[in-house]
Each structure stands twice: as C-alpha cells, then as structure tokens.
Amino acid sequence: MADKIGMEKFLKEIEELYELHAKGVNEEKCREFGKRMADLLSELEDARCDDIANMVMDSLGYCSPKTTSHCETEQRQKAKLESIKDAVLRKLKDGS
C-alpha cells in the first residue's frame, strides 16, 4: 500500500487527468489521457492499491479516442474520475 506521499502523488495525477479529459477535444489529447491513465494503473498496481487500480482499469475499458467526434463517454469518464479521486481521498484520510 502506498504511503501518504504516494497517495498524494496519485491524487495530483488524478486531478491533472480530470482536467486533461475535460480539455481533451482532439485525438492527441485523448491518447495522452489514455497513456497517462495506463501509467497510473501500473503505478497503483506496483503500490498494491488494488481497489483503486481496478477503478482505473475499468475507466480505461471504455476509453476509446475518436478522430472526428466528441468523447462519447465524457460524463461517464468524469464520474469515474471523481469516484477514483474520492477513493484516494478516503485512503489519505484513513491513513491506509
């Protein structure tokens, strides 16, 4: 399990990903979002934060960059990122 500094790092990355996704209006931004989410997943798995890693994996499962259309799962992704952030905040609060 990640320590407090690790969890704060995860929280910062999730907040940045939330903002990136909100701005992700082109394929390049969508691909950057997907890559950073995959990197976050790997880090969470390495830190043995399996419950949060599972949430990130679920989020990646319905992320599919489009070249000509707006993100079809924008609201779902937004809600998922908020729930991931809440899970990290709970872990920070609980100290686990």
N, C-alpha and C. Protein backbone atom coordinates (compact mmCIF):
# COMPACT_ATOMS: atom_id res chain seq x y z
N MET A 1 0.84 -1.18 0.00
CA MET A 1 0.00 0.00 0.00
C MET A 1 0.89 1.24 0.00
N ALA A 2 0.51 2.22 -0.76
CA ALA A 2 1.28 3.46 -0.88
C ALA A 2 1.22 4.24 0.43
N ASP A 3 2.29 4.94 0.72
CA ASP A 3 2.30 5.80 1.88
C ASP A 3 1.59 7.11 1.56
N LYS A 4 1.56 8.01 2.52
CA LYS A 4 0.84 9.27 2.34
C LYS A 4 1.37 10.07 1.15
N ILE A 5 2.70 10.12 1.00
CA ILE A 5 3.29 10.86 -0.11
C ILE A 5 2.90 10.23 -1.44
N GLY A 6 2.91 8.90 -1.49
CA GLY A 6 2.49 8.20 -2.71
C GLY A 6 1.04 8.47 -3.04
N MET A 7 0.18 8.44 -2.03
CA MET A 7 -1.25 8.69 -2.27
C MET A 7 -1.47 10.14 -2.72
N GLU A 8 -0.71 11.07 -2.16
CA GLU A 8 -0.83 12.47 -2.58
C GLU A 8 -0.39 12.62 -4.04
N LYS A 9 0.63 11.87 -4.43
CA LYS A 9 1.08 11.88 -5.83
C LYS A 9 -0.02 11.34 -6.74
N PHE A 10 -0.66 10.25 -6.32
CA PHE A 10 -1.76 9.69 -7.10
C PHE A 10 -2.91 10.69 -7.21
N LEU A 11 -3.21 11.35 -6.12
CA LEU A 11 -4.28 12.34 -6.12
C LEU A 11 -3.98 13.47 -7.10
N LYS A 12 -2.76 13.95 -7.10
CA LYS A 12 -2.37 15.03 -8.02
C LYS A 12 -2.51 14.57 -9.47
N GLU A 13 -2.08 13.35 -9.75
CA GLU A 13 -2.19 12.84 -11.12
C GLU A 13 -3.65 12.69 -11.54
N ILE A 14 -4.49 12.23 -10.65
CA ILE A 14 -5.91 12.08 -10.97
C ILE A 14 -6.54 13.45 -11.24
N GLU A 15 -6.18 14.44 -10.44
CA GLU A 15 -6.71 15.79 -10.67
C GLU A 15 -6.25 16.33 -12.02
N GLU A 16 -4.99 16.09 -12.37
CA GLU A 16 -4.49 16.52 -13.67
C GLU A 16 -5.19 15.77 -14.80
N LEU A 17 -5.42 14.50 -14.62
CA LEU A 17 -6.12 13.71 -15.64
C LEU A 17 -7.56 14.19 -15.81
N TYR A 18 -8.20 14.57 -14.72
CA TYR A 18 -9.55 15.10 -14.78
C TYR A 18 -9.58 16.35 -15.65
N GLU A 19 -8.62 17.24 -15.42
CA GLU A 19 -8.54 18.47 -16.21
C GLU A 19 -8.20 18.17 -17.66
N LEU A 20 -7.27 17.26 -17.90
CA LEU A 20 -6.90 16.89 -19.26
C LEU A 20 -8.10 16.32 -20.00
N HIS A 21 -8.86 15.46 -19.34
CA HIS A 21 -10.02 14.87 -20.01
C HIS A 21 -11.06 15.93 -20.33
N ALA A 22 -11.21 16.90 -19.44
CA ALA A 22 -12.17 17.97 -19.68
C ALA A 22 -11.78 18.79 -20.90
N LYS A 23 -10.48 18.89 -21.17
CA LYS A 23 -9.98 19.66 -22.31
C LYS A 23 -9.77 18.79 -23.55
N GLY A 24 -9.83 17.48 -23.39
CA GLY A 24 -9.49 16.54 -24.46
C GLY A 24 -10.45 16.56 -25.62
N VAL A 25 -10.30 17.51 -26.49
CA VAL A 25 -11.21 17.66 -27.61
C VAL A 25 -10.62 17.16 -28.92
N ASN A 26 -9.45 16.54 -28.85
CA ASN A 26 -8.88 16.00 -30.08
C ASN A 26 -8.22 14.65 -29.79
N GLU A 27 -7.92 13.94 -30.84
CA GLU A 27 -7.38 12.59 -30.70
C GLU A 27 -6.06 12.57 -29.92
N GLU A 28 -5.22 13.55 -30.14
CA GLU A 28 -3.93 13.61 -29.45
C GLU A 28 -4.11 13.70 -27.94
N LYS A 29 -5.01 14.58 -27.49
CA LYS A 29 -5.28 14.72 -26.05
C LYS A 29 -5.90 13.45 -25.49
N CYS A 30 -6.77 12.82 -26.27
CA CYS A 30 -7.38 11.57 -25.83
C CYS A 30 -6.33 10.48 -25.65
N ARG A 31 -5.42 10.40 -26.58
CA ARG A 31 -4.35 9.39 -26.49
C ARG A 31 -3.42 9.69 -25.30
N GLU A 32 -3.12 10.96 -25.07
CA GLU A 32 -2.30 11.33 -23.91
C GLU A 32 -3.02 10.92 -22.62
N PHE A 33 -4.32 11.17 -22.57
CA PHE A 33 -5.11 10.78 -21.41
C PHE A 33 -5.02 9.27 -21.18
N GLY A 34 -5.22 8.50 -22.24
CA GLY A 34 -5.17 7.05 -22.13
C GLY A 34 -3.81 6.54 -21.68
N LYS A 35 -2.75 7.13 -22.20
CA LYS A 35 -1.40 6.72 -21.82
C LYS A 35 -1.13 7.03 -20.35
N ARG A 36 -1.52 8.21 -19.93
CA ARG A 36 -1.29 8.59 -18.53
C ARG A 36 -2.14 7.75 -17.59
N MET A 37 -3.35 7.39 -18.01
CA MET A 37 -4.18 6.51 -17.18
C MET A 37 -3.52 5.13 -17.07
N ALA A 38 -2.97 4.63 -18.17
CA ALA A 38 -2.29 3.33 -18.15
C ALA A 38 -1.07 3.38 -17.24
N ASP A 39 -0.32 4.47 -17.29
CA ASP A 39 0.84 4.64 -16.41
C ASP A 39 0.40 4.68 -14.94
N LEU A 40 -0.69 5.39 -14.68
CA LEU A 40 -1.23 5.46 -13.32
C LEU A 40 -1.65 4.07 -12.85
N LEU A 41 -2.29 3.32 -13.72
CA LEU A 41 -2.69 1.95 -13.38
C LEU A 41 -1.49 1.13 -12.95
N SER A 42 -0.42 1.21 -13.71
CA SER A 42 0.79 0.46 -13.41
C SER A 42 1.36 0.87 -12.05
N GLU A 43 1.39 2.16 -11.79
CA GLU A 43 1.92 2.65 -10.51
C GLU A 43 1.05 2.21 -9.34
N LEU A 44 -0.26 2.23 -9.54
CA LEU A 44 -1.17 1.79 -8.48
C LEU A 44 -1.00 0.30 -8.19
N GLU A 45 -0.83 -0.48 -9.25
CA GLU A 45 -0.60 -1.91 -9.06
C GLU A 45 0.71 -2.15 -8.33
N ASP A 46 1.76 -1.43 -8.70
CA ASP A 46 3.06 -1.57 -8.02
C ASP A 46 2.96 -1.21 -6.55
N ALA A 47 2.09 -0.24 -6.24
CA ALA A 47 1.92 0.22 -4.85
C ALA A 47 0.91 -0.65 -4.09
N ARG A 48 0.38 -1.67 -4.75
CA ARG A 48 -0.59 -2.60 -4.15
C ARG A 48 -1.89 -1.90 -3.75
N CYS A 49 -2.26 -0.88 -4.51
CA CYS A 49 -3.54 -0.19 -4.32
C CYS A 49 -4.55 -0.82 -5.28
N ASP A 50 -4.85 -2.08 -5.05
CA ASP A 50 -5.62 -2.85 -6.00
C ASP A 50 -7.04 -2.33 -6.22
N ASP A 51 -7.69 -1.85 -5.16
CA ASP A 51 -9.05 -1.36 -5.33
C ASP A 51 -9.10 -0.14 -6.25
N ILE A 52 -8.16 0.76 -6.09
CA ILE A 52 -8.12 1.95 -6.95
C ILE A 52 -7.63 1.57 -8.35
N ALA A 53 -6.67 0.66 -8.43
CA ALA A 53 -6.20 0.19 -9.73
C ALA A 53 -7.34 -0.42 -10.52
N ASN A 54 -8.21 -1.16 -9.86
CA ASN A 54 -9.36 -1.75 -10.55
C ASN A 54 -10.29 -0.68 -11.10
N MET A 55 -10.45 0.40 -10.38
CA MET A 55 -11.29 1.51 -10.85
C MET A 55 -10.67 2.15 -12.10
N VAL A 56 -9.35 2.32 -12.08
CA VAL A 56 -8.66 2.91 -13.23
C VAL A 56 -8.76 1.97 -14.43
N MET A 57 -8.61 0.67 -14.19
CA MET A 57 -8.72 -0.29 -15.28
C MET A 57 -10.12 -0.26 -15.90
N ASP A 58 -11.12 -0.16 -15.05
CA ASP A 58 -12.50 -0.05 -15.54
C ASP A 58 -12.67 1.20 -16.41
N SER A 59 -12.09 2.29 -15.96
CA SER A 59 -12.16 3.55 -16.70
C SER A 59 -11.50 3.42 -18.07
N LEU A 60 -10.36 2.76 -18.11
CA LEU A 60 -9.66 2.56 -19.39
C LEU A 60 -10.46 1.67 -20.33
N GLY A 61 -11.27 0.80 -19.77
CA GLY A 61 -12.05 -0.13 -20.58
C GLY A 61 -13.05 0.54 -21.50
N TYR A 62 -13.53 1.69 -21.15
CA TYR A 62 -14.47 2.38 -22.04
C TYR A 62 -13.92 3.68 -22.59
N CYS A 63 -12.62 3.80 -22.60
CA CYS A 63 -11.96 4.95 -23.20
C CYS A 63 -11.53 4.57 -24.62
N SER A 64 -12.06 5.28 -25.60
CA SER A 64 -11.74 4.96 -26.99
C SER A 64 -11.65 6.26 -27.78
N PRO A 65 -10.42 6.75 -28.01
CA PRO A 65 -10.26 8.02 -28.73
C PRO A 65 -10.89 7.99 -30.12
N LYS A 66 -11.54 9.07 -30.45
CA LYS A 66 -12.18 9.22 -31.76
C LYS A 66 -11.51 10.36 -32.51
N THR A 67 -11.42 10.21 -33.81
CA THR A 67 -10.76 11.24 -34.60
C THR A 67 -11.72 12.34 -35.04
N THR A 68 -12.98 12.03 -35.13
CA THR A 68 -13.90 13.03 -35.69
C THR A 68 -15.06 13.39 -34.79
N SER A 69 -15.11 12.83 -33.59
CA SER A 69 -16.26 13.13 -32.74
C SER A 69 -15.82 13.44 -31.32
N HIS A 70 -16.73 14.06 -30.60
CA HIS A 70 -16.50 14.36 -29.20
C HIS A 70 -16.53 13.05 -28.41
N CYS A 71 -15.87 13.02 -27.29
CA CYS A 71 -15.82 11.83 -26.44
C CYS A 71 -17.23 11.34 -26.15
N GLU A 72 -17.49 10.10 -26.51
CA GLU A 72 -18.82 9.53 -26.33
C GLU A 72 -19.11 9.17 -24.88
N THR A 73 -18.07 9.05 -24.07
CA THR A 73 -18.26 8.65 -22.68
C THR A 73 -17.82 9.74 -21.71
N GLU A 74 -17.89 10.97 -22.15
CA GLU A 74 -17.38 12.08 -21.35
C GLU A 74 -17.96 12.11 -19.93
N GLN A 75 -19.26 12.05 -19.81
CA GLN A 75 -19.88 12.13 -18.48
C GLN A 75 -19.56 10.91 -17.63
N ARG A 76 -19.53 9.75 -18.27
CA ARG A 76 -19.19 8.52 -17.54
C ARG A 76 -17.74 8.59 -17.04
N GLN A 77 -16.85 9.06 -17.91
CA GLN A 77 -15.44 9.18 -17.53
C GLN A 77 -15.27 10.21 -16.41
N LYS A 78 -15.99 11.31 -16.52
CA LYS A 78 -15.93 12.34 -15.49
C LYS A 78 -16.36 11.77 -14.14
N ALA A 79 -17.46 11.04 -14.13
CA ALA A 79 -17.95 10.44 -12.89
C ALA A 79 -16.97 9.41 -12.34
N LYS A 80 -16.36 8.63 -13.22
CA LYS A 80 -15.39 7.62 -12.79
C LYS A 80 -14.17 8.28 -12.18
N LEU A 81 -13.67 9.34 -12.81
CA LEU A 81 -12.51 10.06 -12.26
C LEU A 81 -12.84 10.66 -10.90
N GLU A 82 -14.05 11.16 -10.74
CA GLU A 82 -14.46 11.70 -9.44
C GLU A 82 -14.49 10.60 -8.38
N SER A 83 -14.97 9.42 -8.74
CA SER A 83 -15.02 8.33 -7.76
C SER A 83 -13.62 7.83 -7.44
N ILE A 84 -12.71 7.83 -8.42
CA ILE A 84 -11.33 7.45 -8.15
C ILE A 84 -10.69 8.46 -7.20
N LYS A 85 -10.92 9.73 -7.47
CA LYS A 85 -10.38 10.78 -6.59
C LYS A 85 -10.93 10.61 -5.17
N ASP A 86 -12.22 10.34 -5.04
CA ASP A 86 -12.82 10.14 -3.71
C ASP A 86 -12.19 8.96 -2.99
N ALA A 87 -11.90 7.88 -3.72
CA ALA A 87 -11.28 6.70 -3.11
C ALA A 87 -9.88 7.03 -2.59
N VAL A 88 -9.12 7.80 -3.35
CA VAL A 88 -7.79 8.20 -2.91
C VAL A 88 -7.89 9.11 -1.69
N LEU A 89 -8.83 10.04 -1.72
CA LEU A 89 -9.01 10.94 -0.57
C LEU A 89 -9.38 10.15 0.69
N ARG A 90 -10.23 9.13 0.56
CA ARG A 90 -10.59 8.30 1.71
C ARG A 90 -9.35 7.59 2.27
N LYS A 91 -8.51 7.08 1.37
CA LYS A 91 -7.30 6.40 1.83
C LYS A 91 -6.36 7.38 2.54
N LEU A 92 -6.28 8.60 2.03
CA LEU A 92 -5.45 9.61 2.69
C LEU A 92 -6.01 9.94 4.07
N LYS A 93 -7.31 10.07 4.17
CA LYS A 93 -7.96 10.40 5.43
C LYS A 93 -7.79 9.27 6.43
N ASP A 94 -7.95 8.03 5.97
CA ASP A 94 -7.84 6.87 6.85
C ASP A 94 -6.40 6.53 7.19
N GLY A 95 -5.48 7.08 6.39
CA GLY A 95 -4.07 6.79 6.62
C GLY A 95 -3.67 5.39 6.21
N SER A 96 -4.45 4.80 5.29
CA SER A 96 -4.12 3.44 4.83
C SER A 96 -3.80 3.41 3.38
